[in-house]
């Protein structure tokens, strides 16, 4: 499964976004992170194989979140579902 890395000066947390390539909320989440110089990786779920879809769903659910997009995984454990600036800022200390 291909991850796309977006460089940023703020790299104290490992950030992974599961997104849909055409989703407005997903695009706003990526823009918000970029505007705040947060380094992150993302996977556009709709552009992956069925096998990868299942792995992604399992990963999201293992973090206690429903399979919804965008889902932001911080440091491999915290899952934030949806474009929630308040929760993103808190988790990333920005």
N, C-alpha and C. Protein backbone atom coordinates (compact mmCIF):
# COMPACT_ATOMS: atom_id res chain seq x y z
N UNK A 1 0.86 -1.17 0.00
CA UNK A 1 0.00 0.00 0.00
C UNK A 1 0.90 1.23 0.00
N UNK A 2 0.64 2.12 -0.93
CA UNK A 2 1.50 3.30 -1.09
C UNK A 2 1.06 4.45 -0.21
N UNK A 3 2.03 4.95 0.55
CA UNK A 3 1.80 6.14 1.36
C UNK A 3 2.50 7.30 0.66
N UNK A 4 1.88 8.45 0.70
CA UNK A 4 2.49 9.65 0.16
C UNK A 4 2.94 10.49 1.35
N UNK A 5 4.22 10.90 1.34
CA UNK A 5 4.76 11.68 2.45
C UNK A 5 4.74 13.16 2.08
N UNK A 6 4.27 13.98 3.01
CA UNK A 6 4.24 15.43 2.84
C UNK A 6 5.19 16.00 3.90
N UNK A 7 6.29 16.62 3.46
CA UNK A 7 7.26 17.13 4.43
C UNK A 7 6.73 18.34 5.20
N UNK A 8 7.27 18.51 6.41
CA UNK A 8 6.90 19.66 7.23
C UNK A 8 7.91 19.84 8.35
N UNK A 9 8.00 21.04 8.87
CA UNK A 9 8.95 21.33 9.95
C UNK A 9 8.51 20.70 11.26
N UNK A 10 7.20 20.56 11.47
CA UNK A 10 6.68 20.00 12.71
C UNK A 10 6.57 18.48 12.52
N UNK A 11 7.60 17.78 13.02
CA UNK A 11 7.60 16.32 12.83
C UNK A 11 7.78 15.57 14.15
N UNK A 12 7.30 16.19 15.24
CA UNK A 12 7.45 15.52 16.54
C UNK A 12 6.45 14.38 16.73
N UNK A 13 5.43 14.31 15.87
CA UNK A 13 4.47 13.22 15.93
C UNK A 13 4.42 12.54 14.56
N UNK A 14 4.18 11.23 14.59
CA UNK A 14 3.98 10.48 13.34
C UNK A 14 2.50 10.58 13.00
N UNK A 15 2.19 11.13 11.84
CA UNK A 15 0.80 11.38 11.45
C UNK A 15 0.50 10.64 10.15
N UNK A 16 -0.56 9.85 10.17
CA UNK A 16 -1.03 9.14 8.99
C UNK A 16 -2.50 9.46 8.79
N UNK A 17 -2.85 9.84 7.56
CA UNK A 17 -4.25 10.13 7.24
C UNK A 17 -4.76 9.08 6.26
N UNK A 18 -5.89 8.48 6.61
CA UNK A 18 -6.63 7.66 5.66
C UNK A 18 -7.68 8.59 5.07
N UNK A 19 -7.64 8.77 3.75
CA UNK A 19 -8.50 9.75 3.10
C UNK A 19 -9.14 9.14 1.85
N UNK A 20 -10.09 9.89 1.31
CA UNK A 20 -10.69 9.59 0.01
C UNK A 20 -10.25 10.73 -0.92
N UNK A 21 -9.77 10.38 -2.10
CA UNK A 21 -9.14 11.38 -2.98
C UNK A 21 -10.07 12.53 -3.36
N UNK A 22 -11.39 12.29 -3.40
CA UNK A 22 -12.33 13.32 -3.83
C UNK A 22 -13.07 14.00 -2.68
N UNK A 23 -12.74 13.63 -1.44
CA UNK A 23 -13.46 14.11 -0.25
C UNK A 23 -13.01 15.52 0.14
N UNK A 24 -13.97 16.44 0.23
CA UNK A 24 -13.65 17.82 0.61
C UNK A 24 -13.08 17.90 2.02
N UNK A 25 -13.64 17.13 2.97
CA UNK A 25 -13.15 17.15 4.35
C UNK A 25 -11.72 16.62 4.42
N UNK A 26 -11.43 15.61 3.61
CA UNK A 26 -10.08 15.04 3.58
C UNK A 26 -9.09 16.08 3.04
N UNK A 27 -9.49 16.79 2.00
CA UNK A 27 -8.63 17.83 1.42
C UNK A 27 -8.40 18.95 2.42
N UNK A 28 -9.44 19.33 3.17
CA UNK A 28 -9.28 20.39 4.18
C UNK A 28 -8.34 19.93 5.30
N UNK A 29 -8.41 18.66 5.66
CA UNK A 29 -7.53 18.12 6.70
C UNK A 29 -6.08 18.20 6.23
N UNK A 30 -5.82 17.77 5.02
CA UNK A 30 -4.45 17.82 4.47
C UNK A 30 -3.96 19.26 4.40
N UNK A 31 -4.82 20.17 3.95
CA UNK A 31 -4.44 21.58 3.86
C UNK A 31 -4.14 22.16 5.23
N UNK A 32 -4.97 21.83 6.22
CA UNK A 32 -4.76 22.31 7.58
C UNK A 32 -3.40 21.86 8.11
N UNK A 33 -3.06 20.60 7.91
CA UNK A 33 -1.77 20.10 8.37
C UNK A 33 -0.63 20.79 7.63
N UNK A 34 -0.75 20.94 6.32
CA UNK A 34 0.29 21.61 5.53
C UNK A 34 0.45 23.07 5.95
N UNK A 35 -0.68 23.75 6.17
CA UNK A 35 -0.64 25.16 6.60
C UNK A 35 0.04 25.32 7.95
N UNK A 36 0.01 24.25 8.78
CA UNK A 36 0.65 24.29 10.09
C UNK A 36 2.01 23.58 10.08
N UNK A 37 2.57 23.37 8.89
CA UNK A 37 3.89 22.76 8.70
C UNK A 37 4.04 21.41 9.37
N UNK A 38 2.96 20.64 9.43
CA UNK A 38 2.99 19.31 10.03
C UNK A 38 3.41 18.29 8.97
N UNK A 39 4.43 17.51 9.28
CA UNK A 39 4.83 16.43 8.39
C UNK A 39 3.83 15.28 8.56
N UNK A 40 3.36 14.72 7.45
CA UNK A 40 2.40 13.62 7.54
C UNK A 40 2.48 12.74 6.32
N UNK A 41 1.89 11.58 6.44
CA UNK A 41 1.74 10.65 5.33
C UNK A 41 0.25 10.43 5.13
N UNK A 42 -0.14 10.14 3.90
CA UNK A 42 -1.55 9.84 3.67
C UNK A 42 -1.70 8.72 2.66
N UNK A 43 -2.84 8.06 2.76
CA UNK A 43 -3.24 7.02 1.82
C UNK A 43 -4.64 7.37 1.35
N UNK A 44 -4.80 7.51 0.04
CA UNK A 44 -6.13 7.71 -0.53
C UNK A 44 -6.75 6.32 -0.69
N UNK A 45 -7.64 6.00 0.23
CA UNK A 45 -8.20 4.65 0.34
C UNK A 45 -8.92 4.22 -0.93
N UNK A 46 -9.60 5.14 -1.59
CA UNK A 46 -10.35 4.79 -2.79
C UNK A 46 -9.44 4.39 -3.96
N UNK A 47 -8.14 4.66 -3.85
CA UNK A 47 -7.21 4.32 -4.91
C UNK A 47 -6.39 3.07 -4.58
N UNK A 48 -6.79 2.35 -3.53
CA UNK A 48 -6.08 1.14 -3.13
C UNK A 48 -6.88 -0.11 -3.52
N UNK A 49 -6.25 -1.25 -3.38
CA UNK A 49 -6.91 -2.52 -3.72
C UNK A 49 -7.94 -2.90 -2.66
N UNK A 50 -8.80 -3.84 -3.01
CA UNK A 50 -9.79 -4.34 -2.04
C UNK A 50 -9.10 -4.92 -0.81
N UNK A 51 -7.99 -5.60 -1.03
CA UNK A 51 -7.23 -6.19 0.08
C UNK A 51 -6.73 -5.08 1.02
N UNK A 52 -6.21 -4.01 0.44
CA UNK A 52 -5.74 -2.89 1.26
C UNK A 52 -6.89 -2.19 1.97
N UNK A 53 -8.05 -2.08 1.33
CA UNK A 53 -9.26 -1.51 1.98
C UNK A 53 -9.53 -2.24 3.28
N UNK A 54 -9.47 -3.55 3.23
CA UNK A 54 -9.76 -4.36 4.42
C UNK A 54 -8.70 -4.13 5.50
N UNK A 55 -7.43 -4.05 5.13
CA UNK A 55 -6.36 -3.79 6.10
C UNK A 55 -6.55 -2.43 6.76
N UNK A 56 -6.93 -1.44 5.96
CA UNK A 56 -7.15 -0.08 6.47
C UNK A 56 -8.34 -0.07 7.44
N UNK A 57 -9.43 -0.73 7.04
CA UNK A 57 -10.60 -0.80 7.92
C UNK A 57 -10.23 -1.43 9.24
N UNK A 58 -9.48 -2.52 9.21
CA UNK A 58 -9.07 -3.20 10.44
C UNK A 58 -8.16 -2.31 11.29
N UNK A 59 -7.27 -1.57 10.63
CA UNK A 59 -6.37 -0.68 11.38
C UNK A 59 -7.17 0.42 12.09
N UNK A 60 -8.11 1.02 11.38
CA UNK A 60 -8.92 2.08 11.97
C UNK A 60 -9.74 1.53 13.15
N UNK A 61 -10.39 0.41 12.93
CA UNK A 61 -11.22 -0.17 14.00
C UNK A 61 -10.38 -0.62 15.19
N UNK A 62 -9.14 -1.05 14.96
CA UNK A 62 -8.28 -1.47 16.07
C UNK A 62 -7.91 -0.29 16.97
N UNK A 63 -8.05 0.93 16.45
CA UNK A 63 -7.78 2.15 17.23
C UNK A 63 -9.05 2.66 17.92
N UNK A 64 -10.16 1.90 17.77
CA UNK A 64 -11.41 2.27 18.42
C UNK A 64 -12.26 3.26 17.66
N UNK A 65 -11.98 3.44 16.38
CA UNK A 65 -12.74 4.41 15.58
C UNK A 65 -13.55 3.68 14.52
N UNK A 66 -14.66 4.29 14.07
CA UNK A 66 -15.41 3.70 12.97
C UNK A 66 -14.68 3.96 11.65
N UNK A 67 -14.82 3.09 10.66
CA UNK A 67 -14.17 3.33 9.37
C UNK A 67 -14.85 4.48 8.64
N UNK A 68 -14.29 5.65 8.80
CA UNK A 68 -14.84 6.88 8.24
C UNK A 68 -13.66 7.73 7.79
N UNK A 69 -13.92 8.66 6.87
CA UNK A 69 -12.81 9.43 6.32
C UNK A 69 -13.10 10.92 6.36
N UNK A 70 -12.09 11.72 6.68
CA UNK A 70 -10.72 11.31 6.97
C UNK A 70 -10.59 10.71 8.37
N UNK A 71 -9.63 9.81 8.52
CA UNK A 71 -9.22 9.34 9.83
C UNK A 71 -7.74 9.65 9.96
N UNK A 72 -7.39 10.36 11.04
CA UNK A 72 -6.01 10.73 11.31
C UNK A 72 -5.51 9.84 12.44
N UNK A 73 -4.40 9.14 12.19
CA UNK A 73 -3.78 8.30 13.21
C UNK A 73 -2.52 9.03 13.68
N UNK A 74 -2.47 9.34 14.97
CA UNK A 74 -1.32 10.06 15.54
C UNK A 74 -0.50 9.09 16.38
N UNK A 75 0.78 9.00 16.04
CA UNK A 75 1.73 8.15 16.77
C UNK A 75 1.28 6.70 16.84
N UNK A 76 0.54 6.25 15.85
CA UNK A 76 0.13 4.86 15.77
C UNK A 76 -0.93 4.42 16.75
N UNK A 77 -1.49 5.38 17.53
CA UNK A 77 -2.47 4.96 18.54
C UNK A 77 -3.71 5.83 18.61
N UNK A 78 -3.60 7.12 18.50
CA UNK A 78 -4.76 8.02 18.62
C UNK A 78 -5.43 8.16 17.26
N UNK A 79 -6.73 7.90 17.20
CA UNK A 79 -7.49 8.04 15.96
C UNK A 79 -8.47 9.20 16.09
N UNK A 80 -8.40 10.11 15.11
CA UNK A 80 -9.33 11.24 15.05
C UNK A 80 -10.12 11.08 13.76
N UNK A 81 -11.43 10.97 13.88
CA UNK A 81 -12.29 10.77 12.72
C UNK A 81 -12.95 12.10 12.35
N UNK A 82 -12.83 12.47 11.09
CA UNK A 82 -13.42 13.72 10.61
C UNK A 82 -12.44 14.88 10.72
N UNK A 83 -12.83 16.00 10.15
CA UNK A 83 -11.99 17.20 10.19
C UNK A 83 -12.31 17.96 11.47
N UNK A 84 -11.62 17.59 12.54
CA UNK A 84 -11.84 18.18 13.87
C UNK A 84 -10.61 18.97 14.27
N UNK A 85 -10.58 20.26 13.88
CA UNK A 85 -9.42 21.09 14.17
C UNK A 85 -9.03 21.05 15.64
N UNK A 86 -10.02 21.11 16.53
CA UNK A 86 -9.73 21.14 17.96
C UNK A 86 -8.98 19.88 18.40
N UNK A 87 -9.45 18.73 17.96
CA UNK A 87 -8.79 17.48 18.35
C UNK A 87 -7.43 17.30 17.69
N UNK A 88 -7.33 17.76 16.44
CA UNK A 88 -6.05 17.68 15.73
C UNK A 88 -5.02 18.57 16.42
N UNK A 89 -5.41 19.80 16.74
CA UNK A 89 -4.49 20.72 17.42
C UNK A 89 -4.03 20.14 18.76
N UNK A 90 -4.96 19.58 19.51
CA UNK A 90 -4.63 19.02 20.81
C UNK A 90 -3.67 17.83 20.67
N UNK A 91 -3.96 16.92 19.76
CA UNK A 91 -3.13 15.73 19.59
C UNK A 91 -1.73 16.07 19.08
N UNK A 92 -1.63 17.11 18.23
CA UNK A 92 -0.34 17.47 17.64
C UNK A 92 0.34 18.61 18.37
N UNK A 93 -0.28 19.12 19.41
CA UNK A 93 0.29 20.22 20.21
C UNK A 93 0.61 21.43 19.34
N UNK A 94 -0.38 21.85 18.52
CA UNK A 94 -0.17 23.04 17.69
C UNK A 94 -1.21 24.10 18.02
